[in-house]
Amino acid sequence: MTQGSSPTGPGWYSDPSDPGLLRYWSGSEWSPETQPAPLPPGSPFTRPWWQQWWAIALTLALCFPLGVIGVWQRQGTPVVVKAAVSAGAAVLYAVFLVWRSTQP
């Protein structure tokens, strides 16, 4: 790493060899430790498509009914257990929907 533009005080600074990282400056030398640099203000935070809320909600909407149907199609399981599993899944789904509606 180049030492020509080294900061004066110790702390985390933009890595001279990779602007996407922060590197610790001890006051006399760069440490080997790095961490991701924070995104600049106003830049959109991008995630893979499968981590977007629309993909998660679509998966839950599709898998929730299939899982409940699968429980009810299961042979030998008492109706009380099927109802309890279905009710528990419905409660978890409702909690998720309420939680999601409170997120910015």
PDB file of N, CA and C in Angstrom:
ATOM      1  N   MET A   1       0.837  -1.192   0.000  1.00  0.00           N
ATOM      2  CA  MET A   1       0.000   0.000   0.000  1.00  0.00           C
ATOM      3  C   MET A   1       0.869   1.238   0.000  1.00  0.00           C
ATOM      4  N   THR A   2       0.374   2.238  -0.607  1.00  0.00           N
ATOM      5  CA  THR A   2       1.149   3.477  -0.673  1.00  0.00           C
ATOM      6  C   THR A   2       1.018   4.212   0.647  1.00  0.00           C
ATOM      7  N   GLN A   3       2.106   4.725   1.113  1.00  0.00           N
ATOM      8  CA  GLN A   3       2.121   5.465   2.365  1.00  0.00           C
ATOM      9  C   GLN A   3       2.060   6.964   2.138  1.00  0.00           C
ATOM     10  N   GLY A   4       2.088   7.400   0.872  1.00  0.00           N
ATOM     11  CA  GLY A   4       2.148   8.813   0.557  1.00  0.00           C
ATOM     12  C   GLY A   4       0.953   9.608   1.041  1.00  0.00           C
ATOM     13  N   SER A   5      -0.237   9.030   1.006  1.00  0.00           N
ATOM     14  CA  SER A   5      -1.426   9.774   1.404  1.00  0.00           C
ATOM     15  C   SER A   5      -2.003   9.224   2.708  1.00  0.00           C
ATOM     16  N   SER A   6      -1.149   8.825   3.629  1.00  0.00           N
ATOM     17  CA  SER A   6      -1.599   8.247   4.893  1.00  0.00           C
ATOM     18  C   SER A   6      -2.193   9.319   5.787  1.00  0.00           C
ATOM     19  N   PRO A   7      -3.299   9.010   6.486  1.00  0.00           N
ATOM     20  CA  PRO A   7      -3.889   9.967   7.413  1.00  0.00           C
ATOM     21  C   PRO A   7      -2.994  10.171   8.629  1.00  0.00           C
ATOM     22  N   THR A   8      -3.246  11.216   9.381  1.00  0.00           N
ATOM     23  CA  THR A   8      -2.381  11.524  10.515  1.00  0.00           C
ATOM     24  C   THR A   8      -2.775  10.792  11.790  1.00  0.00           C
ATOM     25  N   GLY A   9      -4.059  10.740  12.113  1.00  0.00           N
ATOM     26  CA  GLY A   9      -4.484  10.097  13.357  1.00  0.00           C
ATOM     27  C   GLY A   9      -4.937   8.667  13.160  1.00  0.00           C
ATOM     28  N   PRO A  10      -4.852   7.834  14.203  1.00  0.00           N
ATOM     29  CA  PRO A  10      -5.320   6.458  14.092  1.00  0.00           C
ATOM     30  C   PRO A  10      -6.825   6.416  13.856  1.00  0.00           C
ATOM     31  N   GLY A  11      -7.267   5.393  13.121  1.00  0.00           N
ATOM     32  CA  GLY A  11      -8.690   5.218  12.867  1.00  0.00           C
ATOM     33  C   GLY A  11      -8.929   4.431  11.595  1.00  0.00           C
ATOM     34  N   TRP A  12     -10.210   4.217  11.295  1.00  0.00           N
ATOM     35  CA  TRP A  12     -10.619   3.498  10.084  1.00  0.00           C
ATOM     36  C   TRP A  12     -10.757   4.502   8.941  1.00  0.00           C
ATOM     37  N   TYR A  13     -10.042   4.231   7.848  1.00  0.00           N
ATOM     38  CA  TYR A  13     -10.052   5.107   6.692  1.00  0.00           C
ATOM     39  C   TYR A  13     -10.269   4.288   5.422  1.00  0.00           C
ATOM     40  N   SER A  14     -10.614   4.980   4.350  1.00  0.00           N
ATOM     41  CA  SER A  14     -10.773   4.317   3.064  1.00  0.00           C
ATOM     42  C   SER A  14      -9.466   3.627   2.694  1.00  0.00           C
ATOM     43  N   ASP A  15      -9.578   2.365   2.304  1.00  0.00           N
ATOM     44  CA  ASP A  15      -8.396   1.583   1.947  1.00  0.00           C
ATOM     45  C   ASP A  15      -7.757   2.183   0.698  1.00  0.00           C
ATOM     46  N   PRO A  16      -6.464   2.499   0.740  1.00  0.00           N
ATOM     47  CA  PRO A  16      -5.801   3.099  -0.424  1.00  0.00           C
ATOM     48  C   PRO A  16      -5.821   2.197  -1.658  1.00  0.00           C
ATOM     49  N   SER A  17      -5.903   0.872  -1.458  1.00  0.00           N
ATOM     50  CA  SER A  17      -5.879  -0.034  -2.616  1.00  0.00           C
ATOM     51  C   SER A  17      -7.273  -0.502  -3.033  1.00  0.00           C
ATOM     52  N   ASP A  18      -8.311  -0.238  -2.212  1.00  0.00           N
ATOM     53  CA  ASP A  18      -9.678  -0.653  -2.556  1.00  0.00           C
ATOM     54  C   ASP A  18     -10.663   0.296  -1.884  1.00  0.00           C
ATOM     55  N   PRO A  19     -11.281   1.218  -2.638  1.00  0.00           N
ATOM     56  CA  PRO A  19     -12.176   2.199  -2.025  1.00  0.00           C
ATOM     57  C   PRO A  19     -13.454   1.589  -1.439  1.00  0.00           C
ATOM     58  N   GLY A  20     -13.745   0.303  -1.748  1.00  0.00           N
ATOM     59  CA  GLY A  20     -14.914  -0.357  -1.182  1.00  0.00           C
ATOM     60  C   GLY A  20     -14.676  -0.893   0.219  1.00  0.00           C
ATOM     61  N   LEU A  21     -13.457  -0.709   0.721  1.00  0.00           N
ATOM     62  CA  LEU A  21     -13.097  -1.213   2.049  1.00  0.00           C
ATOM     63  C   LEU A  21     -12.582  -0.096   2.938  1.00  0.00           C
ATOM     64  N   LEU A  22     -12.697  -0.316   4.229  1.00  0.00           N
ATOM     65  CA  LEU A  22     -12.033   0.534   5.215  1.00  0.00           C
ATOM     66  C   LEU A  22     -10.876  -0.270   5.787  1.00  0.00           C
ATOM     67  N   ARG A  23      -9.790   0.402   6.060  1.00  0.00           N
ATOM     68  CA  ARG A  23      -8.621  -0.250   6.661  1.00  0.00           C
ATOM     69  C   ARG A  23      -8.178   0.588   7.851  1.00  0.00           C
ATOM     70  N   TYR A  24      -7.702  -0.074   8.903  1.00  0.00           N
ATOM     71  CA  TYR A  24      -7.311   0.640  10.110  1.00  0.00           C
ATOM     72  C   TYR A  24      -5.896   1.197   9.956  1.00  0.00           C
ATOM     73  N   TRP A  25      -5.782   2.485  10.277  1.00  0.00           N
ATOM     74  CA  TRP A  25      -4.488   3.178  10.273  1.00  0.00           C
ATOM     75  C   TRP A  25      -4.090   3.384  11.728  1.00  0.00           C
ATOM     76  N   SER A  26      -2.968   2.813  12.150  1.00  0.00           N
ATOM     77  CA  SER A  26      -2.545   2.869  13.547  1.00  0.00           C
ATOM     78  C   SER A  26      -1.921   4.202  13.927  1.00  0.00           C
ATOM     79  N   GLY A  27      -1.646   5.017  12.954  1.00  0.00           N
ATOM     80  CA  GLY A  27      -0.928   6.269  13.176  1.00  0.00           C
ATOM     81  C   GLY A  27       0.444   6.220  12.544  1.00  0.00           C
ATOM     82  N   SER A  28       0.904   4.972  12.308  1.00  0.00           N
ATOM     83  CA  SER A  28       2.200   4.827  11.657  1.00  0.00           C
ATOM     84  C   SER A  28       2.181   3.826  10.506  1.00  0.00           C
ATOM     85  N   GLU A  29       1.173   2.896  10.509  1.00  0.00           N
ATOM     86  CA  GLU A  29       1.099   1.930   9.419  1.00  0.00           C
ATOM     87  C   GLU A  29      -0.324   1.392   9.263  1.00  0.00           C
ATOM     88  N   TRP A  30      -0.595   0.853   8.088  1.00  0.00           N
ATOM     89  CA  TRP A  30      -1.896   0.243   7.804  1.00  0.00           C
ATOM     90  C   TRP A  30      -1.925  -1.162   8.380  1.00  0.00           C
ATOM     91  N   SER A  31      -3.045  -1.533   8.991  1.00  0.00           N
ATOM     92  CA  SER A  31      -3.183  -2.892   9.512  1.00  0.00           C
ATOM     93  C   SER A  31      -3.683  -3.814   8.400  1.00  0.00           C
ATOM     94  N   PRO A  32      -3.570  -5.130   8.582  1.00  0.00           N
ATOM     95  CA  PRO A  32      -4.098  -6.050   7.566  1.00  0.00           C
ATOM     96  C   PRO A  32      -5.627  -6.192   7.645  1.00  0.00           C
ATOM     97  N   GLU A  33      -6.243  -5.753   8.740  1.00  0.00           N
ATOM     98  CA  GLU A  33      -7.688  -5.884   8.913  1.00  0.00           C
ATOM     99  C   GLU A  33      -8.437  -4.871   8.060  1.00  0.00           C
ATOM    100  N   THR A  34      -9.515  -5.355   7.433  1.00  0.00           N
ATOM    101  CA  THR A  34     -10.385  -4.484   6.654  1.00  0.00           C
ATOM    102  C   THR A  34     -11.836  -4.760   7.029  1.00  0.00           C
ATOM    103  N   GLN A  35     -12.693  -3.860   6.638  1.00  0.00           N
ATOM    104  CA  GLN A  35     -14.138  -4.040   6.777  1.00  0.00           C
ATOM    105  C   GLN A  35     -14.800  -3.307   5.623  1.00  0.00           C
ATOM    106  N   PRO A  36     -16.020  -3.727   5.262  1.00  0.00           N
ATOM    107  CA  PRO A  36     -16.692  -3.054   4.146  1.00  0.00           C
ATOM    108  C   PRO A  36     -16.935  -1.577   4.451  1.00  0.00           C
ATOM    109  N   ALA A  37     -16.743  -0.752   3.459  1.00  0.00           N
ATOM    110  CA  ALA A  37     -17.005   0.684   3.613  1.00  0.00           C
ATOM    111  C   ALA A  37     -18.517   0.917   3.578  1.00  0.00           C
ATOM    112  N   PRO A  38     -19.029   1.860   4.356  1.00  0.00           N
ATOM    113  CA  PRO A  38     -20.460   2.157   4.284  1.00  0.00           C
ATOM    114  C   PRO A  38     -20.814   2.743   2.924  1.00  0.00           C
ATOM    115  N   LEU A  39     -22.058   2.513   2.520  1.00  0.00           N
ATOM    116  CA  LEU A  39     -22.511   3.059   1.244  1.00  0.00           C
ATOM    117  C   LEU A  39     -22.649   4.570   1.350  1.00  0.00           C
ATOM    118  N   PRO A  40     -22.339   5.286   0.289  1.00  0.00           N
ATOM    119  CA  PRO A  40     -22.495   6.740   0.330  1.00  0.00           C
ATOM    120  C   PRO A  40     -23.972   7.121   0.482  1.00  0.00           C
ATOM    121  N   PRO A  41     -24.253   8.257   1.125  1.00  0.00           N
ATOM    122  CA  PRO A  41     -25.643   8.678   1.289  1.00  0.00           C
ATOM    123  C   PRO A  41     -26.344   8.809  -0.063  1.00  0.00           C
ATOM    124  N   GLY A  42     -27.577   8.333  -0.099  1.00  0.00           N
ATOM    125  CA  GLY A  42     -28.368   8.436  -1.313  1.00  0.00           C
ATOM    126  C   GLY A  42     -28.184   7.293  -2.291  1.00  0.00           C
ATOM    127  N   SER A  43     -27.220   6.411  -2.041  1.00  0.00           N
ATOM    128  CA  SER A  43     -27.050   5.297  -2.975  1.00  0.00           C
ATOM    129  C   SER A  43     -28.026   4.182  -2.597  1.00  0.00           C
ATOM    130  N   PRO A  44     -28.677   3.601  -3.582  1.00  0.00           N
ATOM    131  CA  PRO A  44     -29.640   2.538  -3.274  1.00  0.00           C
ATOM    132  C   PRO A  44     -28.908   1.286  -2.818  1.00  0.00           C
ATOM    133  N   PHE A  45     -29.444   0.656  -1.802  1.00  0.00           N
ATOM    134  CA  PHE A  45     -28.863  -0.592  -1.316  1.00  0.00           C
ATOM    135  C   PHE A  45     -29.446  -1.724  -2.144  1.00  0.00           C
ATOM    136  N   THR A  46     -28.606  -2.414  -2.848  1.00  0.00           N
ATOM    137  CA  THR A  46     -29.098  -3.482  -3.707  1.00  0.00           C
ATOM    138  C   THR A  46     -28.791  -4.833  -3.087  1.00  0.00           C
ATOM    139  N   ARG A  47     -29.758  -5.701  -3.158  1.00  0.00           N
ATOM    140  CA  ARG A  47     -29.622  -7.074  -2.694  1.00  0.00           C
ATOM    141  C   ARG A  47     -29.905  -7.978  -3.879  1.00  0.00           C
ATOM    142  N   PRO A  48     -29.508  -9.260  -3.780  1.00  0.00           N
ATOM    143  CA  PRO A  48     -29.894 -10.191  -4.837  1.00  0.00           C
ATOM    144  C   PRO A  48     -31.415 -10.269  -4.925  1.00  0.00           C
ATOM    145  N   TRP A  49     -31.942 -10.615  -6.090  1.00  0.00           N
ATOM    146  CA  TRP A  49     -33.392 -10.617  -6.296  1.00  0.00           C
ATOM    147  C   TRP A  49     -34.098 -11.498  -5.279  1.00  0.00           C
ATOM    148  N   TRP A  50     -33.473 -12.604  -4.876  1.00  0.00           N
ATOM    149  CA  TRP A  50     -34.141 -13.529  -3.967  1.00  0.00           C
ATOM    150  C   TRP A  50     -34.164 -13.005  -2.531  1.00  0.00           C
ATOM    151  N   GLN A  51     -33.501 -11.907  -2.249  1.00  0.00           N
ATOM    152  CA  GLN A  51     -33.569 -11.287  -0.928  1.00  0.00           C
ATOM    153  C   GLN A  51     -34.449 -10.041  -0.930  1.00  0.00           C
ATOM    154  N   GLN A  52     -35.040  -9.721  -2.054  1.00  0.00           N
ATOM    155  CA  GLN A  52     -35.964  -8.584  -2.120  1.00  0.00           C
ATOM    156  C   GLN A  52     -37.266  -8.975  -1.439  1.00  0.00           C
ATOM    157  N   TRP A  53     -37.951  -7.988  -0.866  1.00  0.00           N
ATOM    158  CA  TRP A  53     -39.193  -8.277  -0.142  1.00  0.00           C
ATOM    159  C   TRP A  53     -40.251  -8.909  -1.027  1.00  0.00           C
ATOM    160  N   TRP A  54     -40.343  -8.500  -2.277  1.00  0.00           N
ATOM    161  CA  TRP A  54     -41.362  -9.079  -3.150  1.00  0.00           C
ATOM    162  C   TRP A  54     -41.124 -10.569  -3.347  1.00  0.00           C
ATOM    163  N   ALA A  55     -39.854 -11.002  -3.456  1.00  0.00           N
ATOM    164  CA  ALA A  55     -39.551 -12.422  -3.644  1.00  0.00           C
ATOM    165  C   ALA A  55     -39.842 -13.214  -2.372  1.00  0.00           C
ATOM    166  N   ILE A  56     -39.517 -12.636  -1.217  1.00  0.00           N
ATOM    167  CA  ILE A  56     -39.790 -13.309   0.055  1.00  0.00           C
ATOM    168  C   ILE A  56     -41.293 -13.447   0.258  1.00  0.00           C
ATOM    169  N   ALA A  57     -42.031 -12.368   0.010  1.00  0.00           N
ATOM    170  CA  ALA A  57     -43.488 -12.412   0.194  1.00  0.00           C
ATOM    171  C   ALA A  57     -44.124 -13.402  -0.778  1.00  0.00           C
ATOM    172  N   LEU A  58     -43.660 -13.430  -2.018  1.00  0.00           N
ATOM    173  CA  LEU A  58     -44.202 -14.366  -3.002  1.00  0.00           C
ATOM    174  C   LEU A  58     -43.935 -15.809  -2.582  1.00  0.00           C
ATOM    175  N   THR A  59     -42.731 -16.081  -2.106  1.00  0.00           N
ATOM    176  CA  THR A  59     -42.391 -17.427  -1.644  1.00  0.00           C
ATOM    177  C   THR A  59     -43.255 -17.837  -0.463  1.00  0.00           C
ATOM    178  N   LEU A  60     -43.417 -16.936   0.495  1.00  0.00           N
ATOM    179  CA  LEU A  60     -44.275 -17.247   1.640  1.00  0.00           C
ATOM    180  C   LEU A  60     -45.718 -17.474   1.203  1.00  0.00           C
ATOM    181  N   ALA A  61     -46.200 -16.653   0.303  1.00  0.00           N
ATOM    182  CA  ALA A  61     -47.581 -16.789  -0.156  1.00  0.00           C
ATOM    183  C   ALA A  61     -47.799 -18.115  -0.884  1.00  0.00           C
ATOM    184  N   LEU A  62     -46.798 -18.557  -1.629  1.00  0.00           N
ATOM    185  CA  LEU A  62     -46.930 -19.816  -2.356  1.00  0.00           C
ATOM    186  C   LEU A  62     -46.686 -21.033  -1.465  1.00  0.00           C
ATOM    187  N   CYS A  63     -45.696 -20.953  -0.584  1.00  0.00           N
ATOM    188  CA  CYS A  63     -45.322 -22.106   0.238  1.00  0.00           C
ATOM    189  C   CYS A  63     -46.244 -22.307   1.419  1.00  0.00           C
ATOM    190  N   PHE A  64     -46.788 -21.243   1.962  1.00  0.00           N
ATOM    191  CA  PHE A  64     -47.666 -21.366   3.130  1.00  0.00           C
ATOM    192  C   PHE A  64     -48.853 -22.279   2.831  1.00  0.00           C
ATOM    193  N   PRO A  65     -49.615 -22.025   1.771  1.00  0.00           N
ATOM    194  CA  PRO A  65     -50.748 -22.922   1.493  1.00  0.00           C
ATOM    195  C   PRO A  65     -50.304 -24.344   1.160  1.00  0.00           C
ATOM    196  N   LEU A  66     -49.203 -24.489   0.439  1.00  0.00           N
ATOM    197  CA  LEU A  66     -48.728 -25.822   0.083  1.00  0.00           C
ATOM    198  C   LEU A  66     -48.330 -26.621   1.322  1.00  0.00           C
ATOM    199  N   GLY A  67     -47.689 -25.944   2.268  1.00  0.00           N
ATOM    200  CA  GLY A  67     -47.310 -26.623   3.505  1.00  0.00           C
ATOM    201  C   GLY A  67     -48.514 -27.064   4.311  1.00  0.00           C
ATOM    202  N   VAL A  68     -49.503 -26.212   4.402  1.00  0.00           N
ATOM    203  CA  VAL A  68     -50.721 -26.558   5.153  1.00  0.00           C
ATOM    204  C   VAL A  68     -51.459 -27.691   4.454  1.00  0.00           C
ATOM    205  N   ILE A  69     -51.536 -27.647   3.126  1.00  0.00           N
ATOM    206  CA  ILE A  69     -52.182 -28.730   2.374  1.00  0.00           C
ATOM    207  C   ILE A  69     -51.433 -30.038   2.600  1.00  0.00           C
ATOM    208  N   GLY A  70     -50.103 -29.959   2.598  1.00  0.00           N
ATOM    209  CA  GLY A  70     -49.299 -31.159   2.839  1.00  0.00           C
ATOM    210  C   GLY A  70     -49.554 -31.765   4.206  1.00  0.00           C
ATOM    211  N   VAL A  71     -49.724 -30.930   5.213  1.00  0.00           N
ATOM    212  CA  VAL A  71     -50.020 -31.434   6.559  1.00  0.00           C
ATOM    213  C   VAL A  71     -51.359 -32.155   6.553  1.00  0.00           C
ATOM    214  N   TRP A  72     -52.341 -31.567   5.897  1.00  0.00           N
ATOM    215  CA  TRP A  72     -53.678 -32.176   5.903  1.00  0.00           C
ATOM    216  C   TRP A  72     -53.736 -33.436   5.045  1.00  0.00           C
ATOM    217  N   GLN A  73     -52.865 -33.586   4.063  1.00  0.00           N
ATOM    218  CA  GLN A  73     -52.835 -34.790   3.232  1.00  0.00           C
ATOM    219  C   GLN A  73     -52.087 -35.945   3.897  1.00  0.00           C
ATOM    220  N   ARG A  74     -51.366 -35.656   4.940  1.00  0.00           N
ATOM    221  CA  ARG A  74     -50.553 -36.660   5.624  1.00  0.00           C
ATOM    222  C   ARG A  74     -51.448 -37.703   6.295  1.00  0.00           C
ATOM    223  N   GLN A  75     -51.209 -38.960   6.002  1.00  0.00           N
ATOM    224  CA  GLN A  75     -51.992 -40.056   6.561  1.00  0.00           C
ATOM    225  C   GLN A  75     -51.512 -40.384   7.985  1.00  0.00           C
ATOM    226  N   GLY A  76     -52.435 -40.689   8.857  1.00  0.00           N
ATOM    227  CA  GLY A  76     -52.105 -41.142  10.208  1.00  0.00           C
ATOM    228  C   GLY A  76     -51.868 -40.040  11.215  1.00  0.00           C
ATOM    229  N   THR A  77     -51.910 -38.805  10.801  1.00  0.00           N
ATOM    230  CA  THR A  77     -51.719 -37.691  11.734  1.00  0.00           C
ATOM    231  C   THR A  77     -53.081 -37.282  12.282  1.00  0.00           C
ATOM    232  N   PRO A  78     -53.195 -37.207  13.625  1.00  0.00           N
ATOM    233  CA  PRO A  78     -54.484 -36.825  14.205  1.00  0.00           C
ATOM    234  C   PRO A  78     -54.929 -35.432  13.747  1.00  0.00           C
ATOM    235  N   VAL A  79     -56.219 -35.237  13.629  1.00  0.00           N
ATOM    236  CA  VAL A  79     -56.791 -33.967  13.194  1.00  0.00           C
ATOM    237  C   VAL A  79     -56.386 -32.843  14.139  1.00  0.00           C
ATOM    238  N   VAL A  80     -56.279 -33.141  15.427  1.00  0.00           N
ATOM    239  CA  VAL A  80     -55.882 -32.118  16.404  1.00  0.00           C
ATOM    240  C   VAL A  80     -54.480 -31.600  16.085  1.00  0.00           C
ATOM    241  N   VAL A  81     -53.575 -32.498  15.738  1.00  0.00           N
ATOM    242  CA  VAL A  81     -52.201 -32.098  15.397  1.00  0.00           C
ATOM    243  C   VAL A  81     -52.209 -31.281  14.106  1.00  0.00           C
ATOM    244  N   LYS A  82     -52.976 -31.722  13.102  1.00  0.00           N
ATOM    245  CA  LYS A  82     -53.062 -30.976  11.846  1.00  0.00           C
ATOM    246  C   LYS A  82     -53.602 -29.572  12.082  1.00  0.00           C
ATOM    247  N   ALA A  83     -54.630 -29.467  12.921  1.00  0.00           N
ATOM    248  CA  ALA A  83     -55.215 -28.156  13.218  1.00  0.00           C
ATOM    249  C   ALA A  83     -54.224 -27.280  13.976  1.00  0.00           C
ATOM    250  N   ALA A  84     -53.484 -27.860  14.917  1.00  0.00           N
ATOM    251  CA  ALA A  84     -52.508 -27.091  15.693  1.00  0.00           C
ATOM    252  C   ALA A  84     -51.383 -26.576  14.795  1.00  0.00           C
ATOM    253  N   VAL A  85     -50.897 -27.438  13.898  1.00  0.00           N
ATOM    254  CA  VAL A  85     -49.833 -27.018  12.980  1.00  0.00           C
ATOM    255  C   VAL A  85     -50.345 -25.915  12.055  1.00  0.00           C
ATOM    256  N   SER A  86     -51.548 -26.081  11.546  1.00  0.00           N
ATOM    257  CA  SER A  86     -52.134 -25.070  10.659  1.00  0.00           C
ATOM    258  C   SER A  86     -52.331 -23.743  11.383  1.00  0.00           C
ATOM    259  N   ALA A  87     -52.843 -23.803  12.621  1.00  0.00           N
ATOM    260  CA  ALA A  87     -53.059 -22.576  13.398  1.00  0.00           C
ATOM    261  C   ALA A  87     -51.723 -21.901  13.711  1.00  0.00           C
ATOM    262  N   GLY A  88     -50.721 -22.683  14.088  1.00  0.00           N
ATOM    263  CA  GLY A  88     -49.404 -22.115  14.374  1.00  0.00           C
ATOM    264  C   GLY A  88     -48.798 -21.453  13.148  1.00  0.00           C
ATOM    265  N   ALA A  89     -48.934 -22.098  11.991  1.00  0.00           N
ATOM    266  CA  ALA A  89     -48.416 -21.522  10.753  1.00  0.00           C
ATOM    267  C   ALA A  89     -49.149 -20.233  10.405  1.00  0.00           C
ATOM    268  N   ALA A  90     -50.466 -20.242  10.614  1.00  0.00           N
ATOM    269  CA  ALA A  90     -51.253 -19.033  10.323  1.00  0.00           C
ATOM    270  C   ALA A  90     -50.848 -17.886  11.232  1.00  0.00           C
ATOM    271  N   VAL A  91     -50.607 -18.184  12.514  1.00  0.00           N
ATOM    272  CA  VAL A  91     -50.176 -17.138  13.457  1.00  0.00           C
ATOM    273  C   VAL A  91     -48.816 -16.582  13.041  1.00  0.00           C
ATOM    274  N   LEU A  92     -47.883 -17.458  12.716  1.00  0.00           N
ATOM    275  CA  LEU A  92     -46.563 -16.990  12.276  1.00  0.00           C
ATOM    276  C   LEU A  92     -46.665 -16.144  11.005  1.00  0.00           C
ATOM    277  N   TYR A  93     -47.510 -16.559  10.085  1.00  0.00           N
ATOM    278  CA  TYR A  93     -47.709 -15.810   8.857  1.00  0.00           C
ATOM    279  C   TYR A  93     -48.304 -14.434   9.150  1.00  0.00           C
ATOM    280  N   ALA A  94     -49.282 -14.392  10.051  1.00  0.00           N
ATOM    281  CA  ALA A  94     -49.899 -13.112  10.422  1.00  0.00           C
ATOM    282  C   ALA A  94     -48.890 -12.198  11.112  1.00  0.00           C
ATOM    283  N   VAL A  95     -48.079 -12.767  11.999  1.00  0.00           N
ATOM    284  CA  VAL A  95     -47.049 -11.971  12.681  1.00  0.00           C
ATOM    285  C   VAL A  95     -46.082 -11.389  11.658  1.00  0.00           C
ATOM    286  N   PHE A  96     -45.689 -12.204  10.684  1.00  0.00           N
ATOM    287  CA  PHE A  96     -44.801 -11.708   9.640  1.00  0.00           C
ATOM    288  C   PHE A  96     -45.436 -10.553   8.873  1.00  0.00           C
ATOM    289  N   LEU A  97     -46.690 -10.712   8.493  1.00  0.00           N
ATOM    290  CA  LEU A  97     -47.373  -9.657   7.734  1.00  0.00           C
ATOM    291  C   LEU A  97     -47.488  -8.364   8.541  1.00  0.00           C
ATOM    292  N   VAL A  98     -47.793  -8.485   9.822  1.00  0.00           N
ATOM    293  CA  VAL A  98     -47.879  -7.291  10.675  1.00  0.00           C
ATOM    294  C   VAL A  98     -46.505  -6.654  10.806  1.00  0.00           C
ATOM    295  N   TRP A  99     -45.484  -7.480  11.063  1.00  0.00           N
ATOM    296  CA  TRP A  99     -44.122  -6.953  11.191  1.00  0.00           C
ATOM    297  C   TRP A  99     -43.705  -6.241   9.904  1.00  0.00           C
ATOM    298  N   ARG A 100     -43.989  -6.880   8.767  1.00  0.00           N
ATOM    299  CA  ARG A 100     -43.591  -6.290   7.481  1.00  0.00           C
ATOM    300  C   ARG A 100     -44.289  -4.957   7.241  1.00  0.00           C
ATOM    301  N   SER A 101     -45.542  -4.846   7.681  1.00  0.00           N
ATOM    302  CA  SER A 101     -46.265  -3.592   7.449  1.00  0.00           C
ATOM    303  C   SER A 101     -45.712  -2.451   8.294  1.00  0.00           C
ATOM    304  N   THR A 102     -44.967  -2.769   9.342  1.00  0.00           N
ATOM    305  CA  THR A 102     -44.391  -1.715  10.195  1.00  0.00           C
ATOM    306  C   THR A 102     -43.009  -1.284   9.711  1.00  0.00           C
ATOM    307  N   GLN A 103     -42.420  -2.010   8.750  1.00  0.00           N
ATOM    308  CA  GLN A 103     -41.077  -1.670   8.258  1.00  0.00           C
ATOM    309  C   GLN A 103     -41.166  -0.523   7.268  1.00  0.00           C
ATOM    310  N   PRO A 104     -40.158   0.371   7.296  1.00  0.00           N
ATOM    311  CA  PRO A 104     -40.177   1.509   6.363  1.00  0.00           C
ATOM    312  C   PRO A 104     -40.009   1.087   4.924  1.00  0.00           C
TER     313      PRO A 104
END
